[in-house]
Amino acid sequence: AEIFLKTRTEEYDVIYFDPMFETP
């Protein structure tokens, strides 16, 4: 995601993150 956001120029209405929970 970091590389994608730094190298691409497309605009979006919403960007979403669902990171892995530390405790399942």
PDBML (XML) file of the C-alpha atoms, coordinates in Angstrom:
<?xml version="1.0" encoding="UTF-8" ?>
<PDBx:datablock datablockName="MODEL"
   xmlns:PDBx="http://pdbml.pdb.org/schema/pdbx-v50.xsd"
   xmlns:xsi="http://www.w3.org/2001/XMLSchema-instance"
   xsi:schemaLocation="http://pdbml.pdb.org/schema/pdbx-v50.xsd pdbx-v50.xsd">
   <PDBx:atom_siteCategory>
      <PDBx:atom_site id="1">
         <PDBx:B_iso_or_equiv>0.00</PDBx:B_iso_or_equiv>
         <PDBx:Cartn_x>0.000</PDBx:Cartn_x>
         <PDBx:Cartn_y>0.000</PDBx:Cartn_y>
         <PDBx:Cartn_z>0.000</PDBx:Cartn_z>
         <PDBx:auth_asym_id>A</PDBx:auth_asym_id>
         <PDBx:auth_atom_id>CA</PDBx:auth_atom_id>
         <PDBx:auth_comp_id>ALA</PDBx:auth_comp_id>
         <PDBx:auth_seq_id>1</PDBx:auth_seq_id>
         <PDBx:group_PDB>ATOM</PDBx:group_PDB>
         <PDBx:label_alt_id xsi:nil="true" />
         <PDBx:label_asym_id>A</PDBx:label_asym_id>
         <PDBx:label_atom_id>CA</PDBx:label_atom_id>
         <PDBx:label_comp_id>ALA</PDBx:label_comp_id>
         <PDBx:label_entity_id>1</PDBx:label_entity_id>
         <PDBx:label_seq_id>1</PDBx:label_seq_id>
         <PDBx:occupancy>1.00</PDBx:occupancy>
         <PDBx:pdbx_PDB_model_num>1</PDBx:pdbx_PDB_model_num>
         <PDBx:type_symbol>C</PDBx:type_symbol>
      </PDBx:atom_site>
      <PDBx:atom_site id="2">
         <PDBx:B_iso_or_equiv>0.00</PDBx:B_iso_or_equiv>
         <PDBx:Cartn_x>2.731</PDBx:Cartn_x>
         <PDBx:Cartn_y>2.496</PDBx:Cartn_y>
         <PDBx:Cartn_z>0.869</PDBx:Cartn_z>
         <PDBx:auth_asym_id>A</PDBx:auth_asym_id>
         <PDBx:auth_atom_id>CA</PDBx:auth_atom_id>
         <PDBx:auth_comp_id>GLU</PDBx:auth_comp_id>
         <PDBx:auth_seq_id>2</PDBx:auth_seq_id>
         <PDBx:group_PDB>ATOM</PDBx:group_PDB>
         <PDBx:label_alt_id xsi:nil="true" />
         <PDBx:label_asym_id>A</PDBx:label_asym_id>
         <PDBx:label_atom_id>CA</PDBx:label_atom_id>
         <PDBx:label_comp_id>GLU</PDBx:label_comp_id>
         <PDBx:label_entity_id>1</PDBx:label_entity_id>
         <PDBx:label_seq_id>2</PDBx:label_seq_id>
         <PDBx:occupancy>1.00</PDBx:occupancy>
         <PDBx:pdbx_PDB_model_num>1</PDBx:pdbx_PDB_model_num>
         <PDBx:type_symbol>C</PDBx:type_symbol>
      </PDBx:atom_site>
      <PDBx:atom_site id="3">
         <PDBx:B_iso_or_equiv>0.00</PDBx:B_iso_or_equiv>
         <PDBx:Cartn_x>4.595</PDBx:Cartn_x>
         <PDBx:Cartn_y>1.981</PDBx:Cartn_y>
         <PDBx:Cartn_z>-2.401</PDBx:Cartn_z>
         <PDBx:auth_asym_id>A</PDBx:auth_asym_id>
         <PDBx:auth_atom_id>CA</PDBx:auth_atom_id>
         <PDBx:auth_comp_id>ILE</PDBx:auth_comp_id>
         <PDBx:auth_seq_id>3</PDBx:auth_seq_id>
         <PDBx:group_PDB>ATOM</PDBx:group_PDB>
         <PDBx:label_alt_id xsi:nil="true" />
         <PDBx:label_asym_id>A</PDBx:label_asym_id>
         <PDBx:label_atom_id>CA</PDBx:label_atom_id>
         <PDBx:label_comp_id>ILE</PDBx:label_comp_id>
         <PDBx:label_entity_id>1</PDBx:label_entity_id>
         <PDBx:label_seq_id>3</PDBx:label_seq_id>
         <PDBx:occupancy>1.00</PDBx:occupancy>
         <PDBx:pdbx_PDB_model_num>1</PDBx:pdbx_PDB_model_num>
         <PDBx:type_symbol>C</PDBx:type_symbol>
      </PDBx:atom_site>
      <PDBx:atom_site id="4">
         <PDBx:B_iso_or_equiv>0.00</PDBx:B_iso_or_equiv>
         <PDBx:Cartn_x>1.337</PDBx:Cartn_x>
         <PDBx:Cartn_y>2.069</PDBx:Cartn_y>
         <PDBx:Cartn_z>-4.363</PDBx:Cartn_z>
         <PDBx:auth_asym_id>A</PDBx:auth_asym_id>
         <PDBx:auth_atom_id>CA</PDBx:auth_atom_id>
         <PDBx:auth_comp_id>PHE</PDBx:auth_comp_id>
         <PDBx:auth_seq_id>4</PDBx:auth_seq_id>
         <PDBx:group_PDB>ATOM</PDBx:group_PDB>
         <PDBx:label_alt_id xsi:nil="true" />
         <PDBx:label_asym_id>A</PDBx:label_asym_id>
         <PDBx:label_atom_id>CA</PDBx:label_atom_id>
         <PDBx:label_comp_id>PHE</PDBx:label_comp_id>
         <PDBx:label_entity_id>1</PDBx:label_entity_id>
         <PDBx:label_seq_id>4</PDBx:label_seq_id>
         <PDBx:occupancy>1.00</PDBx:occupancy>
         <PDBx:pdbx_PDB_model_num>1</PDBx:pdbx_PDB_model_num>
         <PDBx:type_symbol>C</PDBx:type_symbol>
      </PDBx:atom_site>
      <PDBx:atom_site id="5">
         <PDBx:B_iso_or_equiv>0.00</PDBx:B_iso_or_equiv>
         <PDBx:Cartn_x>0.231</PDBx:Cartn_x>
         <PDBx:Cartn_y>5.352</PDBx:Cartn_y>
         <PDBx:Cartn_z>-2.781</PDBx:Cartn_z>
         <PDBx:auth_asym_id>A</PDBx:auth_asym_id>
         <PDBx:auth_atom_id>CA</PDBx:auth_atom_id>
         <PDBx:auth_comp_id>LEU</PDBx:auth_comp_id>
         <PDBx:auth_seq_id>5</PDBx:auth_seq_id>
         <PDBx:group_PDB>ATOM</PDBx:group_PDB>
         <PDBx:label_alt_id xsi:nil="true" />
         <PDBx:label_asym_id>A</PDBx:label_asym_id>
         <PDBx:label_atom_id>CA</PDBx:label_atom_id>
         <PDBx:label_comp_id>LEU</PDBx:label_comp_id>
         <PDBx:label_entity_id>1</PDBx:label_entity_id>
         <PDBx:label_seq_id>5</PDBx:label_seq_id>
         <PDBx:occupancy>1.00</PDBx:occupancy>
         <PDBx:pdbx_PDB_model_num>1</PDBx:pdbx_PDB_model_num>
         <PDBx:type_symbol>C</PDBx:type_symbol>
      </PDBx:atom_site>
      <PDBx:atom_site id="6">
         <PDBx:B_iso_or_equiv>0.00</PDBx:B_iso_or_equiv>
         <PDBx:Cartn_x>3.647</PDBx:Cartn_x>
         <PDBx:Cartn_y>6.939</PDBx:Cartn_y>
         <PDBx:Cartn_z>-3.318</PDBx:Cartn_z>
         <PDBx:auth_asym_id>A</PDBx:auth_asym_id>
         <PDBx:auth_atom_id>CA</PDBx:auth_atom_id>
         <PDBx:auth_comp_id>LYS</PDBx:auth_comp_id>
         <PDBx:auth_seq_id>6</PDBx:auth_seq_id>
         <PDBx:group_PDB>ATOM</PDBx:group_PDB>
         <PDBx:label_alt_id xsi:nil="true" />
         <PDBx:label_asym_id>A</PDBx:label_asym_id>
         <PDBx:label_atom_id>CA</PDBx:label_atom_id>
         <PDBx:label_comp_id>LYS</PDBx:label_comp_id>
         <PDBx:label_entity_id>1</PDBx:label_entity_id>
         <PDBx:label_seq_id>6</PDBx:label_seq_id>
         <PDBx:occupancy>1.00</PDBx:occupancy>
         <PDBx:pdbx_PDB_model_num>1</PDBx:pdbx_PDB_model_num>
         <PDBx:type_symbol>C</PDBx:type_symbol>
      </PDBx:atom_site>
      <PDBx:atom_site id="7">
         <PDBx:B_iso_or_equiv>0.00</PDBx:B_iso_or_equiv>
         <PDBx:Cartn_x>3.966</PDBx:Cartn_x>
         <PDBx:Cartn_y>5.950</PDBx:Cartn_y>
         <PDBx:Cartn_z>-6.964</PDBx:Cartn_z>
         <PDBx:auth_asym_id>A</PDBx:auth_asym_id>
         <PDBx:auth_atom_id>CA</PDBx:auth_atom_id>
         <PDBx:auth_comp_id>THR</PDBx:auth_comp_id>
         <PDBx:auth_seq_id>7</PDBx:auth_seq_id>
         <PDBx:group_PDB>ATOM</PDBx:group_PDB>
         <PDBx:label_alt_id xsi:nil="true" />
         <PDBx:label_asym_id>A</PDBx:label_asym_id>
         <PDBx:label_atom_id>CA</PDBx:label_atom_id>
         <PDBx:label_comp_id>THR</PDBx:label_comp_id>
         <PDBx:label_entity_id>1</PDBx:label_entity_id>
         <PDBx:label_seq_id>7</PDBx:label_seq_id>
         <PDBx:occupancy>1.00</PDBx:occupancy>
         <PDBx:pdbx_PDB_model_num>1</PDBx:pdbx_PDB_model_num>
         <PDBx:type_symbol>C</PDBx:type_symbol>
      </PDBx:atom_site>
      <PDBx:atom_site id="8">
         <PDBx:B_iso_or_equiv>0.00</PDBx:B_iso_or_equiv>
         <PDBx:Cartn_x>0.418</PDBx:Cartn_x>
         <PDBx:Cartn_y>6.178</PDBx:Cartn_y>
         <PDBx:Cartn_z>-8.325</PDBx:Cartn_z>
         <PDBx:auth_asym_id>A</PDBx:auth_asym_id>
         <PDBx:auth_atom_id>CA</PDBx:auth_atom_id>
         <PDBx:auth_comp_id>ARG</PDBx:auth_comp_id>
         <PDBx:auth_seq_id>8</PDBx:auth_seq_id>
         <PDBx:group_PDB>ATOM</PDBx:group_PDB>
         <PDBx:label_alt_id xsi:nil="true" />
         <PDBx:label_asym_id>A</PDBx:label_asym_id>
         <PDBx:label_atom_id>CA</PDBx:label_atom_id>
         <PDBx:label_comp_id>ARG</PDBx:label_comp_id>
         <PDBx:label_entity_id>1</PDBx:label_entity_id>
         <PDBx:label_seq_id>8</PDBx:label_seq_id>
         <PDBx:occupancy>1.00</PDBx:occupancy>
         <PDBx:pdbx_PDB_model_num>1</PDBx:pdbx_PDB_model_num>
         <PDBx:type_symbol>C</PDBx:type_symbol>
      </PDBx:atom_site>
      <PDBx:atom_site id="9">
         <PDBx:B_iso_or_equiv>0.00</PDBx:B_iso_or_equiv>
         <PDBx:Cartn_x>-1.607</PDBx:Cartn_x>
         <PDBx:Cartn_y>9.314</PDBx:Cartn_y>
         <PDBx:Cartn_z>-8.895</PDBx:Cartn_z>
         <PDBx:auth_asym_id>A</PDBx:auth_asym_id>
         <PDBx:auth_atom_id>CA</PDBx:auth_atom_id>
         <PDBx:auth_comp_id>THR</PDBx:auth_comp_id>
         <PDBx:auth_seq_id>9</PDBx:auth_seq_id>
         <PDBx:group_PDB>ATOM</PDBx:group_PDB>
         <PDBx:label_alt_id xsi:nil="true" />
         <PDBx:label_asym_id>A</PDBx:label_asym_id>
         <PDBx:label_atom_id>CA</PDBx:label_atom_id>
         <PDBx:label_comp_id>THR</PDBx:label_comp_id>
         <PDBx:label_entity_id>1</PDBx:label_entity_id>
         <PDBx:label_seq_id>9</PDBx:label_seq_id>
         <PDBx:occupancy>1.00</PDBx:occupancy>
         <PDBx:pdbx_PDB_model_num>1</PDBx:pdbx_PDB_model_num>
         <PDBx:type_symbol>C</PDBx:type_symbol>
      </PDBx:atom_site>
      <PDBx:atom_site id="10">
         <PDBx:B_iso_or_equiv>0.00</PDBx:B_iso_or_equiv>
         <PDBx:Cartn_x>-5.198</PDBx:Cartn_x>
         <PDBx:Cartn_y>8.024</PDBx:Cartn_y>
         <PDBx:Cartn_z>-9.029</PDBx:Cartn_z>
         <PDBx:auth_asym_id>A</PDBx:auth_asym_id>
         <PDBx:auth_atom_id>CA</PDBx:auth_atom_id>
         <PDBx:auth_comp_id>GLU</PDBx:auth_comp_id>
         <PDBx:auth_seq_id>10</PDBx:auth_seq_id>
         <PDBx:group_PDB>ATOM</PDBx:group_PDB>
         <PDBx:label_alt_id xsi:nil="true" />
         <PDBx:label_asym_id>A</PDBx:label_asym_id>
         <PDBx:label_atom_id>CA</PDBx:label_atom_id>
         <PDBx:label_comp_id>GLU</PDBx:label_comp_id>
         <PDBx:label_entity_id>1</PDBx:label_entity_id>
         <PDBx:label_seq_id>10</PDBx:label_seq_id>
         <PDBx:occupancy>1.00</PDBx:occupancy>
         <PDBx:pdbx_PDB_model_num>1</PDBx:pdbx_PDB_model_num>
         <PDBx:type_symbol>C</PDBx:type_symbol>
      </PDBx:atom_site>
      <PDBx:atom_site id="11">
         <PDBx:B_iso_or_equiv>0.00</PDBx:B_iso_or_equiv>
         <PDBx:Cartn_x>-7.717</PDBx:Cartn_x>
         <PDBx:Cartn_y>9.755</PDBx:Cartn_y>
         <PDBx:Cartn_z>-6.789</PDBx:Cartn_z>
         <PDBx:auth_asym_id>A</PDBx:auth_asym_id>
         <PDBx:auth_atom_id>CA</PDBx:auth_atom_id>
         <PDBx:auth_comp_id>GLU</PDBx:auth_comp_id>
         <PDBx:auth_seq_id>11</PDBx:auth_seq_id>
         <PDBx:group_PDB>ATOM</PDBx:group_PDB>
         <PDBx:label_alt_id xsi:nil="true" />
         <PDBx:label_asym_id>A</PDBx:label_asym_id>
         <PDBx:label_atom_id>CA</PDBx:label_atom_id>
         <PDBx:label_comp_id>GLU</PDBx:label_comp_id>
         <PDBx:label_entity_id>1</PDBx:label_entity_id>
         <PDBx:label_seq_id>11</PDBx:label_seq_id>
         <PDBx:occupancy>1.00</PDBx:occupancy>
         <PDBx:pdbx_PDB_model_num>1</PDBx:pdbx_PDB_model_num>
         <PDBx:type_symbol>C</PDBx:type_symbol>
      </PDBx:atom_site>
      <PDBx:atom_site id="12">
         <PDBx:B_iso_or_equiv>0.00</PDBx:B_iso_or_equiv>
         <PDBx:Cartn_x>-10.370</PDBx:Cartn_x>
         <PDBx:Cartn_y>7.918</PDBx:Cartn_y>
         <PDBx:Cartn_z>-4.755</PDBx:Cartn_z>
         <PDBx:auth_asym_id>A</PDBx:auth_asym_id>
         <PDBx:auth_atom_id>CA</PDBx:auth_atom_id>
         <PDBx:auth_comp_id>TYR</PDBx:auth_comp_id>
         <PDBx:auth_seq_id>12</PDBx:auth_seq_id>
         <PDBx:group_PDB>ATOM</PDBx:group_PDB>
         <PDBx:label_alt_id xsi:nil="true" />
         <PDBx:label_asym_id>A</PDBx:label_asym_id>
         <PDBx:label_atom_id>CA</PDBx:label_atom_id>
         <PDBx:label_comp_id>TYR</PDBx:label_comp_id>
         <PDBx:label_entity_id>1</PDBx:label_entity_id>
         <PDBx:label_seq_id>12</PDBx:label_seq_id>
         <PDBx:occupancy>1.00</PDBx:occupancy>
         <PDBx:pdbx_PDB_model_num>1</PDBx:pdbx_PDB_model_num>
         <PDBx:type_symbol>C</PDBx:type_symbol>
      </PDBx:atom_site>
      <PDBx:atom_site id="13">
         <PDBx:B_iso_or_equiv>0.00</PDBx:B_iso_or_equiv>
         <PDBx:Cartn_x>-13.447</PDBx:Cartn_x>
         <PDBx:Cartn_y>8.896</PDBx:Cartn_y>
         <PDBx:Cartn_z>-2.783</PDBx:Cartn_z>
         <PDBx:auth_asym_id>A</PDBx:auth_asym_id>
         <PDBx:auth_atom_id>CA</PDBx:auth_atom_id>
         <PDBx:auth_comp_id>ASP</PDBx:auth_comp_id>
         <PDBx:auth_seq_id>13</PDBx:auth_seq_id>
         <PDBx:group_PDB>ATOM</PDBx:group_PDB>
         <PDBx:label_alt_id xsi:nil="true" />
         <PDBx:label_asym_id>A</PDBx:label_asym_id>
         <PDBx:label_atom_id>CA</PDBx:label_atom_id>
         <PDBx:label_comp_id>ASP</PDBx:label_comp_id>
         <PDBx:label_entity_id>1</PDBx:label_entity_id>
         <PDBx:label_seq_id>13</PDBx:label_seq_id>
         <PDBx:occupancy>1.00</PDBx:occupancy>
         <PDBx:pdbx_PDB_model_num>1</PDBx:pdbx_PDB_model_num>
         <PDBx:type_symbol>C</PDBx:type_symbol>
      </PDBx:atom_site>
      <PDBx:atom_site id="14">
         <PDBx:B_iso_or_equiv>0.00</PDBx:B_iso_or_equiv>
         <PDBx:Cartn_x>-12.543</PDBx:Cartn_x>
         <PDBx:Cartn_y>6.672</PDBx:Cartn_y>
         <PDBx:Cartn_z>0.176</PDBx:Cartn_z>
         <PDBx:auth_asym_id>A</PDBx:auth_asym_id>
         <PDBx:auth_atom_id>CA</PDBx:auth_atom_id>
         <PDBx:auth_comp_id>VAL</PDBx:auth_comp_id>
         <PDBx:auth_seq_id>14</PDBx:auth_seq_id>
         <PDBx:group_PDB>ATOM</PDBx:group_PDB>
         <PDBx:label_alt_id xsi:nil="true" />
         <PDBx:label_asym_id>A</PDBx:label_asym_id>
         <PDBx:label_atom_id>CA</PDBx:label_atom_id>
         <PDBx:label_comp_id>VAL</PDBx:label_comp_id>
         <PDBx:label_entity_id>1</PDBx:label_entity_id>
         <PDBx:label_seq_id>14</PDBx:label_seq_id>
         <PDBx:occupancy>1.00</PDBx:occupancy>
         <PDBx:pdbx_PDB_model_num>1</PDBx:pdbx_PDB_model_num>
         <PDBx:type_symbol>C</PDBx:type_symbol>
      </PDBx:atom_site>
      <PDBx:atom_site id="15">
         <PDBx:B_iso_or_equiv>0.00</PDBx:B_iso_or_equiv>
         <PDBx:Cartn_x>-9.437</PDBx:Cartn_x>
         <PDBx:Cartn_y>4.686</PDBx:Cartn_y>
         <PDBx:Cartn_z>1.139</PDBx:Cartn_z>
         <PDBx:auth_asym_id>A</PDBx:auth_asym_id>
         <PDBx:auth_atom_id>CA</PDBx:auth_atom_id>
         <PDBx:auth_comp_id>ILE</PDBx:auth_comp_id>
         <PDBx:auth_seq_id>15</PDBx:auth_seq_id>
         <PDBx:group_PDB>ATOM</PDBx:group_PDB>
         <PDBx:label_alt_id xsi:nil="true" />
         <PDBx:label_asym_id>A</PDBx:label_asym_id>
         <PDBx:label_atom_id>CA</PDBx:label_atom_id>
         <PDBx:label_comp_id>ILE</PDBx:label_comp_id>
         <PDBx:label_entity_id>1</PDBx:label_entity_id>
         <PDBx:label_seq_id>15</PDBx:label_seq_id>
         <PDBx:occupancy>1.00</PDBx:occupancy>
         <PDBx:pdbx_PDB_model_num>1</PDBx:pdbx_PDB_model_num>
         <PDBx:type_symbol>C</PDBx:type_symbol>
      </PDBx:atom_site>
      <PDBx:atom_site id="16">
         <PDBx:B_iso_or_equiv>0.00</PDBx:B_iso_or_equiv>
         <PDBx:Cartn_x>-9.897</PDBx:Cartn_x>
         <PDBx:Cartn_y>1.787</PDBx:Cartn_y>
         <PDBx:Cartn_z>3.540</PDBx:Cartn_z>
         <PDBx:auth_asym_id>A</PDBx:auth_asym_id>
         <PDBx:auth_atom_id>CA</PDBx:auth_atom_id>
         <PDBx:auth_comp_id>TYR</PDBx:auth_comp_id>
         <PDBx:auth_seq_id>16</PDBx:auth_seq_id>
         <PDBx:group_PDB>ATOM</PDBx:group_PDB>
         <PDBx:label_alt_id xsi:nil="true" />
         <PDBx:label_asym_id>A</PDBx:label_asym_id>
         <PDBx:label_atom_id>CA</PDBx:label_atom_id>
         <PDBx:label_comp_id>TYR</PDBx:label_comp_id>
         <PDBx:label_entity_id>1</PDBx:label_entity_id>
         <PDBx:label_seq_id>16</PDBx:label_seq_id>
         <PDBx:occupancy>1.00</PDBx:occupancy>
         <PDBx:pdbx_PDB_model_num>1</PDBx:pdbx_PDB_model_num>
         <PDBx:type_symbol>C</PDBx:type_symbol>
      </PDBx:atom_site>
      <PDBx:atom_site id="17">
         <PDBx:B_iso_or_equiv>0.00</PDBx:B_iso_or_equiv>
         <PDBx:Cartn_x>-7.550</PDBx:Cartn_x>
         <PDBx:Cartn_y>-0.069</PDBx:Cartn_y>
         <PDBx:Cartn_z>5.889</PDBx:Cartn_z>
         <PDBx:auth_asym_id>A</PDBx:auth_asym_id>
         <PDBx:auth_atom_id>CA</PDBx:auth_atom_id>
         <PDBx:auth_comp_id>PHE</PDBx:auth_comp_id>
         <PDBx:auth_seq_id>17</PDBx:auth_seq_id>
         <PDBx:group_PDB>ATOM</PDBx:group_PDB>
         <PDBx:label_alt_id xsi:nil="true" />
         <PDBx:label_asym_id>A</PDBx:label_asym_id>
         <PDBx:label_atom_id>CA</PDBx:label_atom_id>
         <PDBx:label_comp_id>PHE</PDBx:label_comp_id>
         <PDBx:label_entity_id>1</PDBx:label_entity_id>
         <PDBx:label_seq_id>17</PDBx:label_seq_id>
         <PDBx:occupancy>1.00</PDBx:occupancy>
         <PDBx:pdbx_PDB_model_num>1</PDBx:pdbx_PDB_model_num>
         <PDBx:type_symbol>C</PDBx:type_symbol>
      </PDBx:atom_site>
      <PDBx:atom_site id="18">
         <PDBx:B_iso_or_equiv>0.00</PDBx:B_iso_or_equiv>
         <PDBx:Cartn_x>-8.363</PDBx:Cartn_x>
         <PDBx:Cartn_y>-3.263</PDBx:Cartn_y>
         <PDBx:Cartn_z>7.773</PDBx:Cartn_z>
         <PDBx:auth_asym_id>A</PDBx:auth_asym_id>
         <PDBx:auth_atom_id>CA</PDBx:auth_atom_id>
         <PDBx:auth_comp_id>ASP</PDBx:auth_comp_id>
         <PDBx:auth_seq_id>18</PDBx:auth_seq_id>
         <PDBx:group_PDB>ATOM</PDBx:group_PDB>
         <PDBx:label_alt_id xsi:nil="true" />
         <PDBx:label_asym_id>A</PDBx:label_asym_id>
         <PDBx:label_atom_id>CA</PDBx:label_atom_id>
         <PDBx:label_comp_id>ASP</PDBx:label_comp_id>
         <PDBx:label_entity_id>1</PDBx:label_entity_id>
         <PDBx:label_seq_id>18</PDBx:label_seq_id>
         <PDBx:occupancy>1.00</PDBx:occupancy>
         <PDBx:pdbx_PDB_model_num>1</PDBx:pdbx_PDB_model_num>
         <PDBx:type_symbol>C</PDBx:type_symbol>
      </PDBx:atom_site>
      <PDBx:atom_site id="19">
         <PDBx:B_iso_or_equiv>0.00</PDBx:B_iso_or_equiv>
         <PDBx:Cartn_x>-5.008</PDBx:Cartn_x>
         <PDBx:Cartn_y>-4.150</PDBx:Cartn_y>
         <PDBx:Cartn_z>9.405</PDBx:Cartn_z>
         <PDBx:auth_asym_id>A</PDBx:auth_asym_id>
         <PDBx:auth_atom_id>CA</PDBx:auth_atom_id>
         <PDBx:auth_comp_id>PRO</PDBx:auth_comp_id>
         <PDBx:auth_seq_id>19</PDBx:auth_seq_id>
         <PDBx:group_PDB>ATOM</PDBx:group_PDB>
         <PDBx:label_alt_id xsi:nil="true" />
         <PDBx:label_asym_id>A</PDBx:label_asym_id>
         <PDBx:label_atom_id>CA</PDBx:label_atom_id>
         <PDBx:label_comp_id>PRO</PDBx:label_comp_id>
         <PDBx:label_entity_id>1</PDBx:label_entity_id>
         <PDBx:label_seq_id>19</PDBx:label_seq_id>
         <PDBx:occupancy>1.00</PDBx:occupancy>
         <PDBx:pdbx_PDB_model_num>1</PDBx:pdbx_PDB_model_num>
         <PDBx:type_symbol>C</PDBx:type_symbol>
      </PDBx:atom_site>
      <PDBx:atom_site id="20">
         <PDBx:B_iso_or_equiv>0.00</PDBx:B_iso_or_equiv>
         <PDBx:Cartn_x>-4.467</PDBx:Cartn_x>
         <PDBx:Cartn_y>-7.563</PDBx:Cartn_y>
         <PDBx:Cartn_z>10.963</PDBx:Cartn_z>
         <PDBx:auth_asym_id>A</PDBx:auth_asym_id>
         <PDBx:auth_atom_id>CA</PDBx:auth_atom_id>
         <PDBx:auth_comp_id>MET</PDBx:auth_comp_id>
         <PDBx:auth_seq_id>20</PDBx:auth_seq_id>
         <PDBx:group_PDB>ATOM</PDBx:group_PDB>
         <PDBx:label_alt_id xsi:nil="true" />
         <PDBx:label_asym_id>A</PDBx:label_asym_id>
         <PDBx:label_atom_id>CA</PDBx:label_atom_id>
         <PDBx:label_comp_id>MET</PDBx:label_comp_id>
         <PDBx:label_entity_id>1</PDBx:label_entity_id>
         <PDBx:label_seq_id>20</PDBx:label_seq_id>
         <PDBx:occupancy>1.00</PDBx:occupancy>
         <PDBx:pdbx_PDB_model_num>1</PDBx:pdbx_PDB_model_num>
         <PDBx:type_symbol>C</PDBx:type_symbol>
      </PDBx:atom_site>
      <PDBx:atom_site id="21">
         <PDBx:B_iso_or_equiv>0.00</PDBx:B_iso_or_equiv>
         <PDBx:Cartn_x>-5.584</PDBx:Cartn_x>
         <PDBx:Cartn_y>-7.614</PDBx:Cartn_y>
         <PDBx:Cartn_z>14.583</PDBx:Cartn_z>
         <PDBx:auth_asym_id>A</PDBx:auth_asym_id>
         <PDBx:auth_atom_id>CA</PDBx:auth_atom_id>
         <PDBx:auth_comp_id>PHE</PDBx:auth_comp_id>
         <PDBx:auth_seq_id>21</PDBx:auth_seq_id>
         <PDBx:group_PDB>ATOM</PDBx:group_PDB>
         <PDBx:label_alt_id xsi:nil="true" />
         <PDBx:label_asym_id>A</PDBx:label_asym_id>
         <PDBx:label_atom_id>CA</PDBx:label_atom_id>
         <PDBx:label_comp_id>PHE</PDBx:label_comp_id>
         <PDBx:label_entity_id>1</PDBx:label_entity_id>
         <PDBx:label_seq_id>21</PDBx:label_seq_id>
         <PDBx:occupancy>1.00</PDBx:occupancy>
         <PDBx:pdbx_PDB_model_num>1</PDBx:pdbx_PDB_model_num>
         <PDBx:type_symbol>C</PDBx:type_symbol>
      </PDBx:atom_site>
      <PDBx:atom_site id="22">
         <PDBx:B_iso_or_equiv>0.00</PDBx:B_iso_or_equiv>
         <PDBx:Cartn_x>-2.717</PDBx:Cartn_x>
         <PDBx:Cartn_y>-8.404</PDBx:Cartn_y>
         <PDBx:Cartn_z>16.960</PDBx:Cartn_z>
         <PDBx:auth_asym_id>A</PDBx:auth_asym_id>
         <PDBx:auth_atom_id>CA</PDBx:auth_atom_id>
         <PDBx:auth_comp_id>GLU</PDBx:auth_comp_id>
         <PDBx:auth_seq_id>22</PDBx:auth_seq_id>
         <PDBx:group_PDB>ATOM</PDBx:group_PDB>
         <PDBx:label_alt_id xsi:nil="true" />
         <PDBx:label_asym_id>A</PDBx:label_asym_id>
         <PDBx:label_atom_id>CA</PDBx:label_atom_id>
         <PDBx:label_comp_id>GLU</PDBx:label_comp_id>
         <PDBx:label_entity_id>1</PDBx:label_entity_id>
         <PDBx:label_seq_id>22</PDBx:label_seq_id>
         <PDBx:occupancy>1.00</PDBx:occupancy>
         <PDBx:pdbx_PDB_model_num>1</PDBx:pdbx_PDB_model_num>
         <PDBx:type_symbol>C</PDBx:type_symbol>
      </PDBx:atom_site>
      <PDBx:atom_site id="23">
         <PDBx:B_iso_or_equiv>0.00</PDBx:B_iso_or_equiv>
         <PDBx:Cartn_x>-5.001</PDBx:Cartn_x>
         <PDBx:Cartn_y>-10.771</PDBx:Cartn_y>
         <PDBx:Cartn_z>18.893</PDBx:Cartn_z>
         <PDBx:auth_asym_id>A</PDBx:auth_asym_id>
         <PDBx:auth_atom_id>CA</PDBx:auth_atom_id>
         <PDBx:auth_comp_id>THR</PDBx:auth_comp_id>
         <PDBx:auth_seq_id>23</PDBx:auth_seq_id>
         <PDBx:group_PDB>ATOM</PDBx:group_PDB>
         <PDBx:label_alt_id xsi:nil="true" />
         <PDBx:label_asym_id>A</PDBx:label_asym_id>
         <PDBx:label_atom_id>CA</PDBx:label_atom_id>
         <PDBx:label_comp_id>THR</PDBx:label_comp_id>
         <PDBx:label_entity_id>1</PDBx:label_entity_id>
         <PDBx:label_seq_id>23</PDBx:label_seq_id>
         <PDBx:occupancy>1.00</PDBx:occupancy>
         <PDBx:pdbx_PDB_model_num>1</PDBx:pdbx_PDB_model_num>
         <PDBx:type_symbol>C</PDBx:type_symbol>
      </PDBx:atom_site>
      <PDBx:atom_site id="24">
         <PDBx:B_iso_or_equiv>0.00</PDBx:B_iso_or_equiv>
         <PDBx:Cartn_x>-7.174</PDBx:Cartn_x>
         <PDBx:Cartn_y>-13.014</PDBx:Cartn_y>
         <PDBx:Cartn_z>16.703</PDBx:Cartn_z>
         <PDBx:auth_asym_id>A</PDBx:auth_asym_id>
         <PDBx:auth_atom_id>CA</PDBx:auth_atom_id>
         <PDBx:auth_comp_id>PRO</PDBx:auth_comp_id>
         <PDBx:auth_seq_id>24</PDBx:auth_seq_id>
         <PDBx:group_PDB>ATOM</PDBx:group_PDB>
         <PDBx:label_alt_id xsi:nil="true" />
         <PDBx:label_asym_id>A</PDBx:label_asym_id>
         <PDBx:label_atom_id>CA</PDBx:label_atom_id>
         <PDBx:label_comp_id>PRO</PDBx:label_comp_id>
         <PDBx:label_entity_id>1</PDBx:label_entity_id>
         <PDBx:label_seq_id>24</PDBx:label_seq_id>
         <PDBx:occupancy>1.00</PDBx:occupancy>
         <PDBx:pdbx_PDB_model_num>1</PDBx:pdbx_PDB_model_num>
         <PDBx:type_symbol>C</PDBx:type_symbol>
      </PDBx:atom_site>
   </PDBx:atom_siteCategory>
</PDBx:datablock>
